[in-house]
């Protein structure tokens, strides 16, 4: 409030009569309090948004870890010709891939990654349709084709999942800060990935 007497002195020197009532002072204090509350809320909203982004990245990374494990299990089951387990893993993997497309959505995936997961989903459908339903011997050519489709699944999942895991690790190791207090964007993280 040291500013108020100075304003009164300047006004008196200029020949103006300045009358300040208690309600004027209370209005000024209320305005200042409201402004501080607004600023605090804005900072809190930013912190909540950053926390949500961090949690989303962690959940996406965990989801892709589950996908990777299932893809590796599928590969092992195909090699061992354990068709019952192939059917179970293929069903689980199909659900996880469909979930990943919706889960990662527009916020985490970059151009082309959704299409890669769609190709993986098509490979899963191919494997599902080619699983033998009888105990008859299976031709080696069919197993080789199923293994090729399995590798398509593994590569697609690892490519998308690897980038998402990188983003999560980048956030954890860097303390999520860059000069100016801003979090690195996905585009910034991708540029640093390209440089490496």
C-alpha atoms as a PDB file:
ATOM      1  CA  UNK A   1       0.000   0.000   0.000  1.00  0.00           C
ATOM      2  CA  UNK A   2       3.021   2.305  -0.168  1.00  0.00           C
ATOM      3  CA  UNK A   3       1.992   3.106  -3.719  1.00  0.00           C
ATOM      4  CA  UNK A   4      -1.254   4.753  -2.635  1.00  0.00           C
ATOM      5  CA  UNK A   5       0.340   7.727  -0.800  1.00  0.00           C
ATOM      6  CA  UNK A   6       2.596   8.348  -3.806  1.00  0.00           C
ATOM      7  CA  UNK A   7      -0.390   8.447  -6.125  1.00  0.00           C
ATOM      8  CA  UNK A   8      -2.109  10.941  -3.806  1.00  0.00           C
ATOM      9  CA  UNK A   9       1.029  13.134  -3.683  1.00  0.00           C
ATOM     10  CA  UNK A  10       1.405  13.141  -7.469  1.00  0.00           C
ATOM     11  CA  UNK A  11      -2.257  13.987  -7.900  1.00  0.00           C
ATOM     12  CA  UNK A  12      -1.967  16.869  -5.411  1.00  0.00           C
ATOM     13  CA  UNK A  13       1.135  18.240  -7.166  1.00  0.00           C
ATOM     14  CA  UNK A  14      -0.726  18.254 -10.449  1.00  0.00           C
ATOM     15  CA  UNK A  15      -3.577  20.136  -8.832  1.00  0.00           C
ATOM     16  CA  UNK A  16      -6.094  17.338  -8.694  1.00  0.00           C
ATOM     17  CA  UNK A  17      -8.064  16.405  -5.673  1.00  0.00           C
ATOM     18  CA  UNK A  18      -8.016  12.662  -5.200  1.00  0.00           C
ATOM     19  CA  UNK A  19     -10.531  11.061  -2.921  1.00  0.00           C
ATOM     20  CA  UNK A  20     -10.208   7.390  -2.196  1.00  0.00           C
ATOM     21  CA  UNK A  21     -12.870   5.702  -0.195  1.00  0.00           C
ATOM     22  CA  UNK A  22     -12.654   2.507   1.806  1.00  0.00           C
ATOM     23  CA  UNK A  23     -14.797   0.774  -0.801  1.00  0.00           C
ATOM     24  CA  UNK A  24     -12.241   1.734  -3.487  1.00  0.00           C
ATOM     25  CA  UNK A  25      -9.455   0.172  -1.452  1.00  0.00           C
ATOM     26  CA  UNK A  26     -11.534  -2.949  -0.764  1.00  0.00           C
ATOM     27  CA  UNK A  27     -12.356  -3.239  -4.474  1.00  0.00           C
ATOM     28  CA  UNK A  28      -8.673  -2.993  -5.350  1.00  0.00           C
ATOM     29  CA  UNK A  29      -7.763  -5.626  -2.743  1.00  0.00           C
ATOM     30  CA  UNK A  30     -10.557  -7.916  -3.962  1.00  0.00           C
ATOM     31  CA  UNK A  31      -9.389  -7.519  -7.554  1.00  0.00           C
ATOM     32  CA  UNK A  32      -5.790  -8.319  -6.555  1.00  0.00           C
ATOM     33  CA  UNK A  33      -6.954 -11.384  -4.603  1.00  0.00           C
ATOM     34  CA  UNK A  34      -9.067 -12.598  -7.548  1.00  0.00           C
ATOM     35  CA  UNK A  35      -6.126 -12.158  -9.919  1.00  0.00           C
ATOM     36  CA  UNK A  36      -3.843 -14.174  -7.625  1.00  0.00           C
ATOM     37  CA  UNK A  37      -6.503 -16.901  -7.364  1.00  0.00           C
ATOM     38  CA  UNK A  38      -6.857 -17.004 -11.158  1.00  0.00           C
ATOM     39  CA  UNK A  39      -3.092 -17.281 -11.608  1.00  0.00           C
ATOM     40  CA  UNK A  40      -2.879 -20.068  -9.031  1.00  0.00           C
ATOM     41  CA  UNK A  41      -5.733 -21.963 -10.685  1.00  0.00           C
ATOM     42  CA  UNK A  42      -4.094 -21.634 -14.086  1.00  0.00           C
ATOM     43  CA  UNK A  43      -0.823 -23.060 -12.724  1.00  0.00           C
ATOM     44  CA  UNK A  44      -2.708 -25.889 -10.995  1.00  0.00           C
ATOM     45  CA  UNK A  45      -4.590 -26.702 -14.213  1.00  0.00           C
ATOM     46  CA  UNK A  46      -1.275 -26.840 -16.071  1.00  0.00           C
ATOM     47  CA  UNK A  47       0.188 -29.189 -13.461  1.00  0.00           C
ATOM     48  CA  UNK A  48      -2.878 -31.458 -13.682  1.00  0.00           C
ATOM     49  CA  UNK A  49      -2.638 -31.512 -17.504  1.00  0.00           C
ATOM     50  CA  UNK A  50       1.071 -32.421 -17.306  1.00  0.00           C
ATOM     51  CA  UNK A  51       0.310 -35.186 -14.814  1.00  0.00           C
ATOM     52  CA  UNK A  52      -2.428 -36.567 -17.076  1.00  0.00           C
ATOM     53  CA  UNK A  53      -0.021 -36.591 -20.045  1.00  0.00           C
ATOM     54  CA  UNK A  54       2.603 -38.384 -17.971  1.00  0.00           C
ATOM     55  CA  UNK A  55       0.125 -41.014 -16.790  1.00  0.00           C
ATOM     56  CA  UNK A  56      -1.162 -41.513 -20.339  1.00  0.00           C
ATOM     57  CA  UNK A  57       2.384 -42.105 -21.601  1.00  0.00           C
ATOM     58  CA  UNK A  58       3.093 -44.548 -18.769  1.00  0.00           C
ATOM     59  CA  UNK A  59      -0.121 -46.463 -19.397  1.00  0.00           C
ATOM     60  CA  UNK A  60       0.560 -46.557 -23.148  1.00  0.00           C
ATOM     61  CA  UNK A  61       4.097 -47.834 -22.558  1.00  0.00           C
ATOM     62  CA  UNK A  62       2.749 -50.568 -20.263  1.00  0.00           C
ATOM     63  CA  UNK A  63       0.098 -51.464 -22.831  1.00  0.00           C
ATOM     64  CA  UNK A  64       2.726 -51.863 -25.548  1.00  0.00           C
ATOM     65  CA  UNK A  65       4.874 -53.949 -23.183  1.00  0.00           C
ATOM     66  CA  UNK A  66       1.906 -56.316 -22.839  1.00  0.00           C
ATOM     67  CA  UNK A  67       1.507 -56.334 -26.610  1.00  0.00           C
ATOM     68  CA  UNK A  68       5.196 -57.146 -27.100  1.00  0.00           C
ATOM     69  CA  UNK A  69       5.081 -60.031 -24.654  1.00  0.00           C
ATOM     70  CA  UNK A  70       1.992 -61.464 -26.343  1.00  0.00           C
ATOM     71  CA  UNK A  71       3.588 -61.175 -29.792  1.00  0.00           C
ATOM     72  CA  UNK A  72       6.671 -63.038 -28.591  1.00  0.00           C
ATOM     73  CA  UNK A  73       4.492 -65.730 -27.003  1.00  0.00           C
ATOM     74  CA  UNK A  74       2.602 -66.067 -30.280  1.00  0.00           C
ATOM     75  CA  UNK A  75       5.857 -66.581 -32.147  1.00  0.00           C
ATOM     76  CA  UNK A  76       6.945 -69.311 -29.738  1.00  0.00           C
ATOM     77  CA  UNK A  77       3.576 -71.046 -29.933  1.00  0.00           C
ATOM     78  CA  UNK A  78       3.669 -70.970 -33.728  1.00  0.00           C
ATOM     79  CA  UNK A  79       7.137 -72.549 -33.761  1.00  0.00           C
ATOM     80  CA  UNK A  80       5.948 -75.221 -31.362  1.00  0.00           C
ATOM     81  CA  UNK A  81       2.731 -75.740 -33.342  1.00  0.00           C
ATOM     82  CA  UNK A  82       0.684 -75.421 -30.160  1.00  0.00           C
ATOM     83  CA  UNK A  83      -2.500 -74.452 -31.991  1.00  0.00           C
ATOM     84  CA  UNK A  84      -4.673 -74.131 -28.885  1.00  0.00           C
ATOM     85  CA  UNK A  85      -2.265 -71.601 -27.390  1.00  0.00           C
ATOM     86  CA  UNK A  86      -1.909 -69.856 -30.772  1.00  0.00           C
ATOM     87  CA  UNK A  87      -5.687 -69.388 -30.827  1.00  0.00           C
ATOM     88  CA  UNK A  88      -5.743 -67.995 -27.276  1.00  0.00           C
ATOM     89  CA  UNK A  89      -2.819 -65.628 -27.803  1.00  0.00           C
ATOM     90  CA  UNK A  90      -4.165 -64.473 -31.180  1.00  0.00           C
ATOM     91  CA  UNK A  91      -7.492 -63.602 -29.577  1.00  0.00           C
ATOM     92  CA  UNK A  92      -5.760 -61.712 -26.758  1.00  0.00           C
ATOM     93  CA  UNK A  93      -3.400 -59.980 -29.167  1.00  0.00           C
ATOM     94  CA  UNK A  94      -6.258 -58.899 -31.434  1.00  0.00           C
ATOM     95  CA  UNK A  95      -8.027 -57.280 -28.513  1.00  0.00           C
ATOM     96  CA  UNK A  96      -4.840 -55.558 -27.324  1.00  0.00           C
ATOM     97  CA  UNK A  97      -4.059 -54.171 -30.792  1.00  0.00           C
ATOM     98  CA  UNK A  98      -7.612 -52.878 -31.235  1.00  0.00           C
ATOM     99  CA  UNK A  99      -7.364 -51.306 -27.799  1.00  0.00           C
ATOM    100  CA  UNK A 100      -3.975 -49.771 -28.629  1.00  0.00           C
ATOM    101  CA  UNK A 101      -5.368 -48.049 -31.708  1.00  0.00           C
ATOM    102  CA  UNK A 102      -8.070 -46.424 -29.612  1.00  0.00           C
ATOM    103  CA  UNK A 103      -5.930 -45.947 -26.514  1.00  0.00           C
ATOM    104  CA  UNK A 104      -3.021 -44.187 -28.164  1.00  0.00           C
ATOM    105  CA  UNK A 105      -5.328 -42.439 -30.575  1.00  0.00           C
ATOM    106  CA  UNK A 106      -4.522 -38.981 -31.731  1.00  0.00           C
ATOM    107  CA  UNK A 107      -2.623 -37.900 -28.622  1.00  0.00           C
ATOM    108  CA  UNK A 108       0.351 -40.278 -28.709  1.00  0.00           C
ATOM    109  CA  UNK A 109       0.588 -41.734 -32.184  1.00  0.00           C
ATOM    110  CA  UNK A 110       2.244 -39.956 -35.051  1.00  0.00           C
ATOM    111  CA  UNK A 111       1.396 -40.255 -38.734  1.00  0.00           C
ATOM    112  CA  UNK A 112       1.599 -43.787 -40.028  1.00  0.00           C
ATOM    113  CA  UNK A 113       1.585 -45.581 -36.679  1.00  0.00           C
ATOM    114  CA  UNK A 114      -2.145 -46.216 -36.709  1.00  0.00           C
ATOM    115  CA  UNK A 115      -1.762 -47.743 -40.171  1.00  0.00           C
ATOM    116  CA  UNK A 116       1.071 -49.963 -38.905  1.00  0.00           C
ATOM    117  CA  UNK A 117      -1.173 -51.254 -36.149  1.00  0.00           C
ATOM    118  CA  UNK A 118      -3.896 -51.842 -38.732  1.00  0.00           C
ATOM    119  CA  UNK A 119      -1.435 -53.957 -40.756  1.00  0.00           C
ATOM    120  CA  UNK A 120      -0.642 -55.858 -37.537  1.00  0.00           C
ATOM    121  CA  UNK A 121      -4.377 -56.381 -36.966  1.00  0.00           C
ATOM    122  CA  UNK A 122      -4.713 -57.745 -40.515  1.00  0.00           C
ATOM    123  CA  UNK A 123      -1.841 -60.157 -39.837  1.00  0.00           C
ATOM    124  CA  UNK A 124      -3.560 -61.273 -36.624  1.00  0.00           C
ATOM    125  CA  UNK A 125      -6.764 -61.892 -38.592  1.00  0.00           C
ATOM    126  CA  UNK A 126      -4.785 -63.907 -41.161  1.00  0.00           C
ATOM    127  CA  UNK A 127      -3.240 -66.053 -38.413  1.00  0.00           C
ATOM    128  CA  UNK A 128      -6.606 -66.498 -36.734  1.00  0.00           C
ATOM    129  CA  UNK A 129      -8.213 -67.674 -39.978  1.00  0.00           C
ATOM    130  CA  UNK A 130      -5.306 -70.038 -40.785  1.00  0.00           C
ATOM    131  CA  UNK A 131      -5.181 -71.827 -37.406  1.00  0.00           C
ATOM    132  CA  UNK A 132      -5.833 -75.525 -37.996  1.00  0.00           C
ATOM    133  CA  UNK A 133      -8.969 -76.765 -36.307  1.00  0.00           C
ATOM    134  CA  UNK A 134      -8.233 -80.465 -36.686  1.00  0.00           C
ATOM    135  CA  UNK A 135      -5.370 -82.662 -35.534  1.00  0.00           C
ATOM    136  CA  UNK A 136      -4.180 -83.216 -39.104  1.00  0.00           C
ATOM    137  CA  UNK A 137      -0.481 -82.514 -39.758  1.00  0.00           C
ATOM    138  CA  UNK A 138       0.239 -78.940 -40.798  1.00  0.00           C
ATOM    139  CA  UNK A 139       2.391 -78.133 -43.807  1.00  0.00           C
ATOM    140  CA  UNK A 140       5.667 -76.368 -43.144  1.00  0.00           C
ATOM    141  CA  UNK A 141       4.791 -73.730 -45.749  1.00  0.00           C
ATOM    142  CA  UNK A 142       1.740 -72.722 -43.694  1.00  0.00           C
ATOM    143  CA  UNK A 143       3.824 -72.467 -40.529  1.00  0.00           C
ATOM    144  CA  UNK A 144       6.410 -70.341 -42.370  1.00  0.00           C
ATOM    145  CA  UNK A 145       3.689 -68.022 -43.672  1.00  0.00           C
ATOM    146  CA  UNK A 146       2.200 -67.729 -40.175  1.00  0.00           C
ATOM    147  CA  UNK A 147       5.670 -66.919 -38.810  1.00  0.00           C
ATOM    148  CA  UNK A 148       6.094 -64.183 -41.436  1.00  0.00           C
ATOM    149  CA  UNK A 149       2.769 -62.688 -40.390  1.00  0.00           C
ATOM    150  CA  UNK A 150       3.851 -62.950 -36.770  1.00  0.00           C
ATOM    151  CA  UNK A 151       7.003 -60.963 -37.567  1.00  0.00           C
ATOM    152  CA  UNK A 152       4.852 -58.262 -39.174  1.00  0.00           C
ATOM    153  CA  UNK A 153       2.961 -58.057 -35.879  1.00  0.00           C
ATOM    154  CA  UNK A 154       6.148 -57.956 -33.800  1.00  0.00           C
ATOM    155  CA  UNK A 155       7.754 -55.238 -35.940  1.00  0.00           C
ATOM    156  CA  UNK A 156       4.660 -53.035 -35.965  1.00  0.00           C
ATOM    157  CA  UNK A 157       4.170 -53.323 -32.218  1.00  0.00           C
ATOM    158  CA  UNK A 158       7.834 -52.755 -31.420  1.00  0.00           C
ATOM    159  CA  UNK A 159       8.091 -49.745 -33.704  1.00  0.00           C
ATOM    160  CA  UNK A 160       5.121 -47.943 -32.179  1.00  0.00           C
ATOM    161  CA  UNK A 161       5.746 -49.223 -28.662  1.00  0.00           C
ATOM    162  CA  UNK A 162       9.441 -48.396 -28.812  1.00  0.00           C
ATOM    163  CA  UNK A 163       8.767 -44.771 -29.635  1.00  0.00           C
ATOM    164  CA  UNK A 164       6.174 -44.477 -26.870  1.00  0.00           C
ATOM    165  CA  UNK A 165       8.552 -46.098 -24.371  1.00  0.00           C
ATOM    166  CA  UNK A 166      11.249 -43.657 -25.498  1.00  0.00           C
ATOM    167  CA  UNK A 167       8.938 -40.729 -24.832  1.00  0.00           C
ATOM    168  CA  UNK A 168       8.174 -42.048 -21.363  1.00  0.00           C
ATOM    169  CA  UNK A 169      11.864 -42.590 -20.572  1.00  0.00           C
ATOM    170  CA  UNK A 170      12.758 -39.183 -21.974  1.00  0.00           C
ATOM    171  CA  UNK A 171      10.261 -37.598 -19.607  1.00  0.00           C
ATOM    172  CA  UNK A 172      11.535 -39.605 -16.619  1.00  0.00           C
ATOM    173  CA  UNK A 173      15.265 -39.049 -17.198  1.00  0.00           C
ATOM    174  CA  UNK A 174      15.141 -35.403 -18.183  1.00  0.00           C
ATOM    175  CA  UNK A 175      12.967 -34.400 -15.271  1.00  0.00           C
ATOM    176  CA  UNK A 176      10.421 -33.276 -17.856  1.00  0.00           C
ATOM    177  CA  UNK A 177      11.947 -29.825 -18.014  1.00  0.00           C
ATOM    178  CA  UNK A 178      13.562 -27.795 -20.718  1.00  0.00           C
ATOM    179  CA  UNK A 179      14.580 -24.132 -20.562  1.00  0.00           C
ATOM    180  CA  UNK A 180      11.558 -21.972 -19.883  1.00  0.00           C
ATOM    181  CA  UNK A 181       9.830 -24.650 -17.811  1.00  0.00           C
ATOM    182  CA  UNK A 182       8.052 -26.212 -20.792  1.00  0.00           C
ATOM    183  CA  UNK A 183       7.730 -29.965 -21.293  1.00  0.00           C
ATOM    184  CA  UNK A 184       9.250 -31.357 -24.469  1.00  0.00           C
ATOM    185  CA  UNK A 185       6.622 -31.914 -27.135  1.00  0.00           C
ATOM    186  CA  UNK A 186       6.218 -35.113 -29.097  1.00  0.00           C
ATOM    187  CA  UNK A 187       7.653 -33.316 -32.130  1.00  0.00           C
ATOM    188  CA  UNK A 188      10.735 -32.276 -30.127  1.00  0.00           C
ATOM    189  CA  UNK A 189      11.209 -35.811 -28.860  1.00  0.00           C
ATOM    190  CA  UNK A 190      10.873 -37.201 -32.387  1.00  0.00           C
ATOM    191  CA  UNK A 191      13.473 -34.750 -33.686  1.00  0.00           C
ATOM    192  CA  UNK A 192      15.908 -35.839 -30.981  1.00  0.00           C
ATOM    193  CA  UNK A 193      15.181 -39.487 -31.894  1.00  0.00           C
ATOM    194  CA  UNK A 194      15.978 -38.758 -35.541  1.00  0.00           C
ATOM    195  CA  UNK A 195      19.313 -37.153 -34.582  1.00  0.00           C
ATOM    196  CA  UNK A 196      20.419 -40.274 -32.694  1.00  0.00           C
END
